[in-house]
Amino acid sequence: MRIQHKNLTIRQAEVADAKQLAAWWNDGAVMAHAGFPNGLGTTEEEVVKGLRNGLLVVEESDRLIGECNYHNVSDGVVEIGIKICETDCQNRGVGRKVLSMLISWLFRNGYAKIILDTNLTNTRAQHVYELLGFRKVRTNIDSWKDQFGRLQSSVDYALVEQDFVSYE
């Protein structure tokens, strides 16, 4: 899989990407929103073993800047995730463009509904999701614990094609 728009590319993660993915996944600043403020503590070898269809990397002008993923949940429903990991690439609209690219591709490839969740405190992400047309489905208060055992809350979102607002 390869999706390209101007200088942005989303492509299947490869063995050559494992070193960068491990660095991001071990960085607590990158992973805190996912409940891992100390990072995952994974190795490059473990990342290679976990490479699978649906684990994607994001490039801007041929530089790795983040990752995204998708996996089939049920017939016609897919769950997605995204992280723009390089701080100099955040707050520039890149995530919104990457999401637009991925969402367009998923709808073109037969998915009818896209779901995702985010930490309740991640209001920047919520704003982007809502700009793209996602609707809040549910708020889950104190529904999971982070790496330190602190209760966290999340928001579930869903998007159907007729509500999608593309930013490509």
N, C-alpha and C. Protein backbone atom coordinates (compact mmCIF):
# COMPACT_ATOMS: atom_id res chain seq x y z
N MET A 1 0.84 -1.18 0.00
CA MET A 1 0.00 0.00 0.00
C MET A 1 0.89 1.25 0.00
N ARG A 2 0.52 2.19 -0.82
CA ARG A 2 1.24 3.47 -0.88
C ARG A 2 0.23 4.54 -1.27
N ILE A 3 0.10 5.56 -0.41
CA ILE A 3 -0.80 6.68 -0.69
C ILE A 3 0.08 7.92 -0.72
N GLN A 4 -0.04 8.70 -1.78
CA GLN A 4 0.80 9.88 -1.91
C GLN A 4 -0.05 11.09 -2.24
N HIS A 5 0.28 12.21 -1.61
CA HIS A 5 -0.35 13.49 -1.93
C HIS A 5 0.71 14.57 -1.71
N LYS A 6 1.10 15.21 -2.80
CA LYS A 6 2.16 16.22 -2.77
C LYS A 6 3.39 15.62 -2.10
N ASN A 7 3.89 16.22 -1.01
CA ASN A 7 5.12 15.74 -0.37
C ASN A 7 4.86 14.74 0.76
N LEU A 8 3.60 14.31 0.94
CA LEU A 8 3.27 13.36 1.99
C LEU A 8 3.04 11.97 1.41
N THR A 9 3.58 10.97 2.09
CA THR A 9 3.42 9.57 1.69
C THR A 9 3.05 8.74 2.90
N ILE A 10 2.08 7.86 2.72
CA ILE A 10 1.75 6.84 3.71
C ILE A 10 2.06 5.52 3.02
N ARG A 11 2.85 4.69 3.69
CA ARG A 11 3.21 3.40 3.09
C ARG A 11 3.34 2.34 4.16
N GLN A 12 3.32 1.10 3.71
CA GLN A 12 3.48 -0.04 4.60
C GLN A 12 4.82 0.08 5.34
N ALA A 13 4.83 -0.17 6.66
CA ALA A 13 6.08 -0.18 7.42
C ALA A 13 6.92 -1.37 6.99
N GLU A 14 8.23 -1.14 6.91
CA GLU A 14 9.17 -2.17 6.46
C GLU A 14 10.24 -2.39 7.52
N VAL A 15 11.01 -3.43 7.34
CA VAL A 15 12.09 -3.76 8.28
C VAL A 15 13.01 -2.55 8.48
N ALA A 16 13.29 -1.82 7.41
CA ALA A 16 14.17 -0.66 7.50
C ALA A 16 13.61 0.45 8.40
N ASP A 17 12.31 0.42 8.67
CA ASP A 17 11.67 1.43 9.52
C ASP A 17 11.70 1.06 11.00
N ALA A 18 12.06 -0.17 11.32
CA ALA A 18 11.95 -0.69 12.68
C ALA A 18 12.75 0.13 13.70
N LYS A 19 13.93 0.57 13.32
CA LYS A 19 14.77 1.34 14.25
C LYS A 19 14.06 2.63 14.67
N GLN A 20 13.49 3.35 13.69
CA GLN A 20 12.79 4.60 14.00
C GLN A 20 11.51 4.33 14.78
N LEU A 21 10.75 3.30 14.40
CA LEU A 21 9.52 2.97 15.13
C LEU A 21 9.85 2.63 16.59
N ALA A 22 10.89 1.85 16.82
CA ALA A 22 11.29 1.51 18.19
C ALA A 22 11.66 2.76 18.97
N ALA A 23 12.39 3.67 18.33
CA ALA A 23 12.78 4.92 19.01
C ALA A 23 11.54 5.71 19.43
N TRP A 24 10.57 5.84 18.52
CA TRP A 24 9.34 6.56 18.86
C TRP A 24 8.57 5.85 19.96
N TRP A 25 8.41 4.52 19.83
CA TRP A 25 7.61 3.76 20.79
C TRP A 25 8.26 3.70 22.17
N ASN A 26 9.56 3.94 22.24
CA ASN A 26 10.26 3.96 23.52
C ASN A 26 10.35 5.36 24.12
N ASP A 27 9.86 6.34 23.40
CA ASP A 27 9.90 7.74 23.84
C ASP A 27 8.61 8.06 24.59
N GLY A 28 8.73 8.29 25.90
CA GLY A 28 7.56 8.57 26.72
C GLY A 28 6.79 9.80 26.27
N ALA A 29 7.47 10.80 25.73
CA ALA A 29 6.77 12.00 25.25
C ALA A 29 5.87 11.66 24.07
N VAL A 30 6.29 10.74 23.22
CA VAL A 30 5.50 10.34 22.06
C VAL A 30 4.35 9.43 22.49
N MET A 31 4.60 8.57 23.48
CA MET A 31 3.65 7.51 23.83
C MET A 31 2.76 7.82 25.04
N ALA A 32 2.95 8.95 25.69
CA ALA A 32 2.18 9.26 26.90
C ALA A 32 0.68 9.25 26.65
N HIS A 33 0.24 9.80 25.53
CA HIS A 33 -1.20 9.87 25.24
C HIS A 33 -1.83 8.48 25.13
N ALA A 34 -1.01 7.48 24.81
CA ALA A 34 -1.50 6.11 24.67
C ALA A 34 -1.37 5.32 25.97
N GLY A 35 -0.95 6.01 27.03
CA GLY A 35 -0.86 5.35 28.33
C GLY A 35 0.51 4.84 28.70
N PHE A 36 1.52 5.23 27.92
CA PHE A 36 2.88 4.75 28.18
C PHE A 36 3.85 5.92 28.35
N PRO A 37 3.75 6.65 29.47
CA PRO A 37 4.63 7.81 29.69
C PRO A 37 6.10 7.44 29.82
N ASN A 38 6.41 6.16 30.01
CA ASN A 38 7.80 5.71 30.02
C ASN A 38 8.18 5.02 28.72
N GLY A 39 7.30 5.08 27.72
CA GLY A 39 7.54 4.38 26.47
C GLY A 39 7.23 2.90 26.62
N LEU A 40 7.35 2.17 25.50
CA LEU A 40 7.00 0.75 25.51
C LEU A 40 8.13 -0.17 25.97
N GLY A 41 9.37 0.30 25.88
CA GLY A 41 10.48 -0.56 26.25
C GLY A 41 10.66 -1.72 25.26
N THR A 42 10.47 -1.45 24.00
CA THR A 42 10.57 -2.48 22.97
C THR A 42 11.92 -2.42 22.28
N THR A 43 12.26 -3.47 21.57
CA THR A 43 13.51 -3.51 20.81
C THR A 43 13.20 -3.44 19.31
N GLU A 44 14.22 -3.12 18.57
CA GLU A 44 14.09 -3.09 17.11
C GLU A 44 13.68 -4.47 16.59
N GLU A 45 14.23 -5.53 17.18
CA GLU A 45 13.91 -6.89 16.78
C GLU A 45 12.43 -7.20 17.04
N GLU A 46 11.91 -6.75 18.18
CA GLU A 46 10.49 -6.97 18.49
C GLU A 46 9.59 -6.23 17.51
N VAL A 47 10.02 -5.03 17.11
CA VAL A 47 9.24 -4.27 16.13
C VAL A 47 9.21 -5.03 14.80
N VAL A 48 10.35 -5.55 14.37
CA VAL A 48 10.41 -6.31 13.12
C VAL A 48 9.45 -7.49 13.18
N LYS A 49 9.46 -8.22 14.29
CA LYS A 49 8.56 -9.38 14.44
C LYS A 49 7.09 -8.97 14.39
N GLY A 50 6.80 -7.74 14.83
CA GLY A 50 5.41 -7.28 14.87
C GLY A 50 4.94 -6.57 13.61
N LEU A 51 5.81 -6.44 12.61
CA LEU A 51 5.39 -5.79 11.37
C LEU A 51 4.25 -6.58 10.75
N ARG A 52 3.21 -5.86 10.34
CA ARG A 52 2.04 -6.52 9.79
C ARG A 52 1.37 -5.59 8.80
N ASN A 53 0.49 -6.18 8.00
CA ASN A 53 -0.30 -5.37 7.10
C ASN A 53 -1.14 -4.41 7.94
N GLY A 54 -1.19 -3.17 7.55
CA GLY A 54 -1.96 -2.19 8.31
C GLY A 54 -1.11 -1.32 9.22
N LEU A 55 0.15 -1.69 9.45
CA LEU A 55 1.07 -0.83 10.20
C LEU A 55 1.80 0.02 9.17
N LEU A 56 1.56 1.31 9.21
CA LEU A 56 2.02 2.21 8.17
C LEU A 56 2.94 3.28 8.75
N VAL A 57 3.82 3.80 7.91
CA VAL A 57 4.64 4.94 8.30
C VAL A 57 4.25 6.14 7.45
N VAL A 58 4.52 7.31 7.99
CA VAL A 58 4.21 8.58 7.31
C VAL A 58 5.52 9.27 7.00
N GLU A 59 5.66 9.68 5.75
CA GLU A 59 6.85 10.42 5.33
C GLU A 59 6.43 11.80 4.81
N GLU A 60 7.25 12.78 5.14
CA GLU A 60 7.09 14.11 4.56
C GLU A 60 8.40 14.41 3.86
N SER A 61 8.34 14.60 2.56
CA SER A 61 9.54 14.83 1.74
C SER A 61 10.60 13.77 2.03
N ASP A 62 10.18 12.50 2.05
CA ASP A 62 11.04 11.32 2.24
C ASP A 62 11.65 11.20 3.63
N ARG A 63 11.17 11.96 4.60
CA ARG A 63 11.62 11.85 6.00
C ARG A 63 10.50 11.21 6.82
N LEU A 64 10.84 10.18 7.59
CA LEU A 64 9.85 9.56 8.47
C LEU A 64 9.45 10.56 9.55
N ILE A 65 8.14 10.79 9.66
CA ILE A 65 7.67 11.77 10.67
C ILE A 65 6.61 11.19 11.60
N GLY A 66 6.09 10.00 11.27
CA GLY A 66 5.05 9.45 12.12
C GLY A 66 4.58 8.10 11.63
N GLU A 67 3.52 7.63 12.24
CA GLU A 67 2.98 6.33 11.89
C GLU A 67 1.47 6.36 12.00
N CYS A 68 0.85 5.44 11.31
CA CYS A 68 -0.58 5.24 11.45
C CYS A 68 -0.87 3.77 11.23
N ASN A 69 -2.08 3.38 11.53
CA ASN A 69 -2.42 1.98 11.38
C ASN A 69 -3.91 1.84 11.14
N TYR A 70 -4.27 0.69 10.63
CA TYR A 70 -5.69 0.36 10.47
C TYR A 70 -5.84 -1.14 10.63
N HIS A 71 -6.97 -1.55 11.14
CA HIS A 71 -7.29 -2.98 11.18
C HIS A 71 -8.80 -3.19 11.13
N ASN A 72 -9.15 -4.24 10.42
CA ASN A 72 -10.54 -4.59 10.22
C ASN A 72 -11.14 -5.01 11.56
N VAL A 73 -12.28 -4.40 11.93
CA VAL A 73 -12.97 -4.73 13.18
C VAL A 73 -14.10 -5.71 12.89
N SER A 74 -14.86 -5.42 11.87
CA SER A 74 -15.95 -6.29 11.44
C SER A 74 -16.26 -5.94 9.99
N ASP A 75 -17.23 -6.59 9.43
CA ASP A 75 -17.56 -6.37 8.03
C ASP A 75 -17.84 -4.90 7.76
N GLY A 76 -16.97 -4.26 6.98
CA GLY A 76 -17.16 -2.86 6.60
C GLY A 76 -16.71 -1.84 7.63
N VAL A 77 -16.21 -2.29 8.78
CA VAL A 77 -15.78 -1.36 9.85
C VAL A 77 -14.28 -1.53 10.08
N VAL A 78 -13.58 -0.41 10.11
CA VAL A 78 -12.14 -0.42 10.31
C VAL A 78 -11.80 0.56 11.44
N GLU A 79 -10.81 0.19 12.26
CA GLU A 79 -10.33 1.07 13.33
C GLU A 79 -8.97 1.61 12.91
N ILE A 80 -8.76 2.90 13.17
CA ILE A 80 -7.51 3.54 12.78
C ILE A 80 -6.85 4.21 13.97
N GLY A 81 -5.56 4.50 13.80
CA GLY A 81 -4.80 5.27 14.76
C GLY A 81 -3.73 6.06 14.02
N ILE A 82 -3.27 7.14 14.62
CA ILE A 82 -2.24 7.98 13.99
C ILE A 82 -1.41 8.66 15.07
N LYS A 83 -0.12 8.83 14.76
CA LYS A 83 0.78 9.63 15.60
C LYS A 83 1.73 10.38 14.67
N ILE A 84 1.75 11.69 14.77
CA ILE A 84 2.82 12.47 14.15
C ILE A 84 3.86 12.60 15.25
N CYS A 85 4.96 11.89 15.10
CA CYS A 85 5.92 11.70 16.19
C CYS A 85 6.99 12.78 16.26
N GLU A 86 7.33 13.36 15.14
CA GLU A 86 8.37 14.39 15.12
C GLU A 86 7.74 15.73 15.52
N THR A 87 8.22 16.30 16.62
CA THR A 87 7.58 17.50 17.18
C THR A 87 7.59 18.69 16.22
N ASP A 88 8.61 18.79 15.36
CA ASP A 88 8.64 19.91 14.42
C ASP A 88 7.60 19.75 13.31
N CYS A 89 6.94 18.62 13.24
CA CYS A 89 5.90 18.38 12.24
C CYS A 89 4.51 18.48 12.83
N GLN A 90 4.42 18.74 14.11
CA GLN A 90 3.13 18.85 14.78
C GLN A 90 2.63 20.29 14.70
N ASN A 91 1.33 20.46 14.84
CA ASN A 91 0.69 21.78 14.83
C ASN A 91 0.86 22.52 13.50
N ARG A 92 0.98 21.75 12.40
CA ARG A 92 1.10 22.34 11.06
C ARG A 92 0.03 21.82 10.11
N GLY A 93 -0.92 21.03 10.64
CA GLY A 93 -1.96 20.48 9.78
C GLY A 93 -1.58 19.19 9.08
N VAL A 94 -0.39 18.67 9.36
CA VAL A 94 0.06 17.44 8.70
C VAL A 94 -0.82 16.26 9.10
N GLY A 95 -1.14 16.15 10.38
CA GLY A 95 -1.97 15.04 10.84
C GLY A 95 -3.33 15.02 10.16
N ARG A 96 -3.93 16.19 10.01
CA ARG A 96 -5.23 16.29 9.34
C ARG A 96 -5.13 15.84 7.88
N LYS A 97 -4.05 16.24 7.20
CA LYS A 97 -3.86 15.84 5.81
C LYS A 97 -3.63 14.33 5.71
N VAL A 98 -2.80 13.79 6.59
CA VAL A 98 -2.51 12.35 6.58
C VAL A 98 -3.79 11.57 6.86
N LEU A 99 -4.56 12.00 7.84
CA LEU A 99 -5.83 11.33 8.12
C LEU A 99 -6.76 11.39 6.92
N SER A 100 -6.84 12.53 6.26
CA SER A 100 -7.67 12.65 5.05
C SER A 100 -7.24 11.66 3.99
N MET A 101 -5.94 11.53 3.79
CA MET A 101 -5.42 10.60 2.80
C MET A 101 -5.80 9.16 3.15
N LEU A 102 -5.59 8.79 4.40
CA LEU A 102 -5.89 7.42 4.85
C LEU A 102 -7.38 7.14 4.79
N ILE A 103 -8.17 8.07 5.27
CA ILE A 103 -9.63 7.88 5.29
C ILE A 103 -10.17 7.74 3.85
N SER A 104 -9.73 8.59 2.95
CA SER A 104 -10.15 8.49 1.55
C SER A 104 -9.82 7.13 0.98
N TRP A 105 -8.61 6.65 1.25
CA TRP A 105 -8.18 5.34 0.76
C TRP A 105 -9.06 4.23 1.34
N LEU A 106 -9.36 4.30 2.63
CA LEU A 106 -10.19 3.27 3.27
C LEU A 106 -11.59 3.25 2.68
N PHE A 107 -12.20 4.42 2.48
CA PHE A 107 -13.54 4.45 1.88
C PHE A 107 -13.50 3.91 0.44
N ARG A 108 -12.46 4.27 -0.32
CA ARG A 108 -12.33 3.76 -1.70
C ARG A 108 -12.14 2.24 -1.73
N ASN A 109 -11.62 1.70 -0.64
CA ASN A 109 -11.33 0.27 -0.59
C ASN A 109 -12.39 -0.53 0.17
N GLY A 110 -13.58 0.01 0.22
CA GLY A 110 -14.72 -0.78 0.66
C GLY A 110 -15.18 -0.65 2.09
N TYR A 111 -14.49 0.14 2.88
CA TYR A 111 -14.94 0.32 4.26
C TYR A 111 -16.09 1.33 4.31
N ALA A 112 -17.09 1.05 5.14
CA ALA A 112 -18.26 1.92 5.25
C ALA A 112 -18.21 2.78 6.50
N LYS A 113 -17.45 2.36 7.49
CA LYS A 113 -17.40 3.08 8.77
C LYS A 113 -15.98 2.99 9.34
N ILE A 114 -15.50 4.13 9.83
CA ILE A 114 -14.17 4.21 10.43
C ILE A 114 -14.35 4.61 11.89
N ILE A 115 -13.69 3.88 12.77
CA ILE A 115 -13.77 4.20 14.20
C ILE A 115 -12.38 4.47 14.75
N LEU A 116 -12.32 5.20 15.84
CA LEU A 116 -11.08 5.46 16.55
C LEU A 116 -11.42 5.90 17.96
N ASP A 117 -10.40 5.92 18.80
CA ASP A 117 -10.58 6.49 20.13
C ASP A 117 -9.36 7.31 20.47
N THR A 118 -9.52 8.19 21.43
CA THR A 118 -8.41 9.02 21.88
C THR A 118 -8.60 9.33 23.35
N ASN A 119 -7.50 9.69 23.99
CA ASN A 119 -7.56 10.08 25.38
C ASN A 119 -8.42 11.34 25.52
N LEU A 120 -9.23 11.38 26.55
CA LEU A 120 -10.11 12.53 26.78
C LEU A 120 -9.33 13.83 26.90
N THR A 121 -8.09 13.74 27.37
CA THR A 121 -7.27 14.96 27.52
C THR A 121 -6.66 15.41 26.21
N ASN A 122 -6.73 14.60 25.16
CA ASN A 122 -6.12 14.94 23.87
C ASN A 122 -7.10 15.77 23.04
N THR A 123 -7.33 16.99 23.49
CA THR A 123 -8.32 17.85 22.85
C THR A 123 -7.88 18.30 21.45
N ARG A 124 -6.58 18.40 21.21
CA ARG A 124 -6.10 18.75 19.85
C ARG A 124 -6.55 17.70 18.85
N ALA A 125 -6.37 16.42 19.20
CA ALA A 125 -6.78 15.34 18.30
C ALA A 125 -8.30 15.36 18.12
N GLN A 126 -9.03 15.56 19.19
CA GLN A 126 -10.49 15.59 19.09
C GLN A 126 -10.94 16.68 18.12
N HIS A 127 -10.30 17.83 18.19
CA HIS A 127 -10.64 18.93 17.29
C HIS A 127 -10.44 18.52 15.82
N VAL A 128 -9.30 17.87 15.54
CA VAL A 128 -9.01 17.42 14.18
C VAL A 128 -10.04 16.39 13.72
N TYR A 129 -10.34 15.41 14.57
CA TYR A 129 -11.30 14.38 14.20
C TYR A 129 -12.66 15.00 13.87
N GLU A 130 -13.07 15.95 14.67
CA GLU A 130 -14.37 16.58 14.44
C GLU A 130 -14.37 17.43 13.17
N LEU A 131 -13.24 18.08 12.85
CA LEU A 131 -13.13 18.81 11.58
C LEU A 131 -13.31 17.88 10.38
N LEU A 132 -12.84 16.64 10.52
CA LEU A 132 -12.93 15.67 9.44
C LEU A 132 -14.31 15.03 9.34
N GLY A 133 -15.17 15.30 10.31
CA GLY A 133 -16.53 14.76 10.26
C GLY A 133 -16.83 13.64 11.24
N PHE A 134 -15.84 13.22 12.01
CA PHE A 134 -16.08 12.19 13.02
C PHE A 134 -17.10 12.70 14.03
N ARG A 135 -17.92 11.79 14.51
CA ARG A 135 -18.91 12.11 15.55
C ARG A 135 -18.57 11.34 16.82
N LYS A 136 -18.70 12.02 17.95
CA LYS A 136 -18.49 11.35 19.23
C LYS A 136 -19.58 10.30 19.43
N VAL A 137 -19.14 9.12 19.78
CA VAL A 137 -20.07 8.02 20.03
C VAL A 137 -20.28 7.85 21.54
N ARG A 138 -19.17 7.97 22.28
CA ARG A 138 -19.25 7.71 23.72
C ARG A 138 -18.00 8.26 24.40
N THR A 139 -18.16 8.65 25.65
CA THR A 139 -17.03 9.02 26.51
C THR A 139 -16.93 7.94 27.59
N ASN A 140 -15.75 7.41 27.75
CA ASN A 140 -15.49 6.33 28.71
C ASN A 140 -14.69 6.89 29.88
N ILE A 141 -15.35 7.20 30.97
CA ILE A 141 -14.70 7.84 32.13
C ILE A 141 -13.98 6.78 32.97
N ASP A 142 -12.72 7.08 33.30
CA ASP A 142 -11.90 6.19 34.14
C ASP A 142 -11.99 4.73 33.68
N SER A 143 -11.81 4.51 32.37
CA SER A 143 -12.04 3.19 31.79
C SER A 143 -10.78 2.35 31.62
N TRP A 144 -9.60 2.95 31.81
CA TRP A 144 -8.36 2.19 31.68
C TRP A 144 -7.27 2.87 32.50
N LYS A 145 -6.20 2.13 32.74
CA LYS A 145 -5.09 2.65 33.54
C LYS A 145 -3.85 2.79 32.67
N ASP A 146 -3.13 3.89 32.90
CA ASP A 146 -1.87 4.09 32.18
C ASP A 146 -0.76 3.27 32.86
N GLN A 147 0.45 3.43 32.37
CA GLN A 147 1.60 2.70 32.84
C GLN A 147 1.86 2.90 34.34
N PHE A 148 1.44 4.04 34.87
CA PHE A 148 1.65 4.33 36.29
C PHE A 148 0.45 3.92 37.14
N GLY A 149 -0.54 3.31 36.51
CA GLY A 149 -1.73 2.88 37.24
C GLY A 149 -2.76 3.98 37.46
N ARG A 150 -2.58 5.11 36.79
CA ARG A 150 -3.54 6.22 36.90
C ARG A 150 -4.72 5.97 35.98
N LEU A 151 -5.91 6.18 36.51
CA LEU A 151 -7.12 6.03 35.69
C LEU A 151 -7.14 7.07 34.57
N GLN A 152 -7.53 6.63 33.39
CA GLN A 152 -7.62 7.48 32.21
C GLN A 152 -9.01 7.34 31.59
N SER A 153 -9.41 8.37 30.88
CA SER A 153 -10.69 8.36 30.18
C SER A 153 -10.44 8.51 28.69
N SER A 154 -11.37 8.02 27.89
CA SER A 154 -11.22 8.09 26.44
C SER A 154 -12.52 8.49 25.78
N VAL A 155 -12.41 8.87 24.52
CA VAL A 155 -13.56 9.25 23.71
C VAL A 155 -13.55 8.36 22.47
N ASP A 156 -14.68 7.75 22.16
CA ASP A 156 -14.83 6.93 20.95
C ASP A 156 -15.48 7.78 19.87
N TYR A 157 -14.96 7.65 18.64
CA TYR A 157 -15.48 8.39 17.49
C TYR A 157 -15.82 7.42 16.36
N ALA A 158 -16.73 7.85 15.50
CA ALA A 158 -17.08 7.08 14.30
C ALA A 158 -17.28 8.05 13.13
N LEU A 159 -16.98 7.56 11.93
CA LEU A 159 -17.12 8.36 10.72
C LEU A 159 -17.69 7.48 9.61
N VAL A 160 -18.72 7.99 8.96
CA VAL A 160 -19.25 7.34 7.75
C VAL A 160 -18.95 8.28 6.57
N GLU A 161 -18.91 7.72 5.38
CA GLU A 161 -18.42 8.46 4.22
C GLU A 161 -19.19 9.76 3.97
N GLN A 162 -20.51 9.76 4.13
CA GLN A 162 -21.27 10.98 3.82
C GLN A 162 -20.96 12.13 4.78
N ASP A 163 -20.36 11.85 5.94
CA ASP A 163 -19.99 12.91 6.89
C ASP A 163 -18.53 13.38 6.72
N PHE A 164 -17.75 12.68 5.88
CA PHE A 164 -16.33 12.96 5.75
C PHE A 164 -16.07 14.30 5.07
N VAL A 165 -15.21 15.11 5.70
CA VAL A 165 -14.76 16.39 5.16
C VAL A 165 -13.27 16.24 4.89
N SER A 166 -12.90 16.09 3.62
CA SER A 166 -11.51 15.84 3.24
C SER A 166 -10.67 17.12 3.28
N TYR A 167 -9.41 16.98 3.68
CA TYR A 167 -8.47 18.11 3.68
C TYR A 167 -7.27 17.81 2.79
N GLU A 168 -7.44 16.93 1.81
CA GLU A 168 -6.33 16.62 0.88
C GLU A 168 -6.10 17.79 -0.04
